[in-house]
Protein backbone atom coordinates (compact mmCIF):
# COMPACT_ATOMS: atom_id res chain seq x y z
CA MET A 1 88.64 68.21 104.72
CA SER A 2 88.66 70.06 107.04
CA LEU A 3 88.70 73.85 108.00
CA ASN A 4 92.82 73.37 109.06
CA SER A 5 93.65 71.79 106.55
CA PRO A 6 97.54 71.79 105.74
CA PRO A 7 98.61 73.95 102.50
CA ASP A 8 98.74 70.62 99.88
CA GLN A 9 94.92 69.45 100.70
CA MET A 10 94.24 73.01 99.97
CA GLN A 11 93.77 72.20 96.08
CA GLY A 12 90.69 74.40 93.99
CA ARG A 13 91.69 77.90 93.00
CA TYR A 14 89.10 79.94 92.36
CA ARG A 15 89.08 84.14 91.78
CA ILE A 16 87.01 85.82 93.52
CA GLY A 17 83.24 85.79 91.02
CA ALA A 18 83.59 81.99 91.21
CA VAL A 19 83.68 81.97 95.49
CA ALA A 20 80.95 84.99 95.80
CA LYS A 21 79.25 82.98 92.63
CA LEU A 22 79.05 79.48 95.43
CA ALA A 23 78.45 80.97 98.77
CA GLY A 24 75.86 82.91 97.12
CA LEU A 25 77.78 86.29 98.64
CA PRO A 26 78.65 89.76 96.75
CA VAL A 27 81.66 89.98 95.58
CA ALA A 28 81.49 93.58 97.79
CA THR A 29 80.85 91.38 100.44
CA LEU A 30 83.63 89.00 100.43
CA ARG A 31 86.21 91.80 99.91
CA VAL A 32 84.46 93.45 102.94
CA TRP A 33 84.98 90.73 104.95
CA GLU A 34 88.51 89.73 104.51
CA ARG A 35 89.53 93.57 104.88
CA ARG A 36 87.73 94.36 108.24
CA TYR A 37 88.18 90.38 109.94
CA SER A 38 90.86 88.47 107.87
CA VAL A 39 88.15 85.55 107.03
CA VAL A 40 90.35 84.71 104.25
CA THR A 41 93.81 85.59 102.81
CA PRO A 42 94.29 84.10 99.72
CA PRO A 43 97.65 84.41 97.60
CA LYS A 44 97.51 86.87 95.17
CA THR A 45 99.02 86.20 91.06
CA ASP A 46 101.43 88.81 90.00
CA GLY A 47 97.86 90.88 87.86
CA GLY A 48 96.84 91.05 91.45
CA HIS A 49 93.81 88.71 90.86
CA ARG A 50 93.07 86.63 94.82
CA LEU A 51 93.37 82.96 94.12
CA TYR A 52 90.93 80.96 96.86
CA SER A 53 91.67 77.58 97.94
CA ASP A 54 88.26 74.92 98.64
CA GLN A 55 89.17 75.38 101.76
CA ASP A 56 88.52 78.99 101.92
CA VAL A 57 85.60 78.69 99.75
CA LEU A 58 84.44 76.11 103.06
CA LYS A 59 85.21 78.92 105.60
CA VAL A 60 83.32 81.85 103.86
CA THR A 61 80.44 79.41 102.51
CA LEU A 62 80.18 78.82 106.45
CA LEU A 63 80.74 82.22 107.61
CA LYS A 64 77.84 83.38 105.04
CA SER A 65 75.65 80.04 106.94
CA LEU A 66 75.85 80.44 110.46
CA THR A 67 75.18 84.56 110.02
CA GLN A 68 71.98 83.88 107.79
CA GLN A 69 70.83 82.19 111.23
CA GLY A 70 71.34 84.71 113.37
CA TYR A 71 74.95 84.55 114.29
CA ASN A 72 76.89 88.59 113.86
CA ARG A 73 80.05 88.20 116.16
CA ILE A 74 81.96 87.49 112.93
CA PRO A 75 85.01 88.07 114.58
CA LEU A 76 84.65 85.70 116.85
CA MET A 77 83.55 83.19 114.58
CA VAL A 78 86.88 83.72 111.87
CA GLU A 79 88.98 83.68 115.48
CA ALA A 80 87.48 79.71 115.89
CA PHE A 81 88.51 78.40 112.71
CA ALA A 82 92.15 79.55 113.87
CA ASP A 83 91.85 77.74 116.63
């Protein structure tokens, strides 16, 4: 699955705690990345819970890895995902 897979290939549905755990990030960081940089925009349930796709998990995990390697230009990295 690539970062730009069509929605029908985005099988998994994960809540924010599971995504944070899979990516090794605090939930608060994930929320900040969503709000500030629009890293991912998961749909929400009627109850307001975010539901992340496999593609979202891949993006967040990649961003975390890049930031650990010293890349600190998150807006540029997010823009690259859109291409």
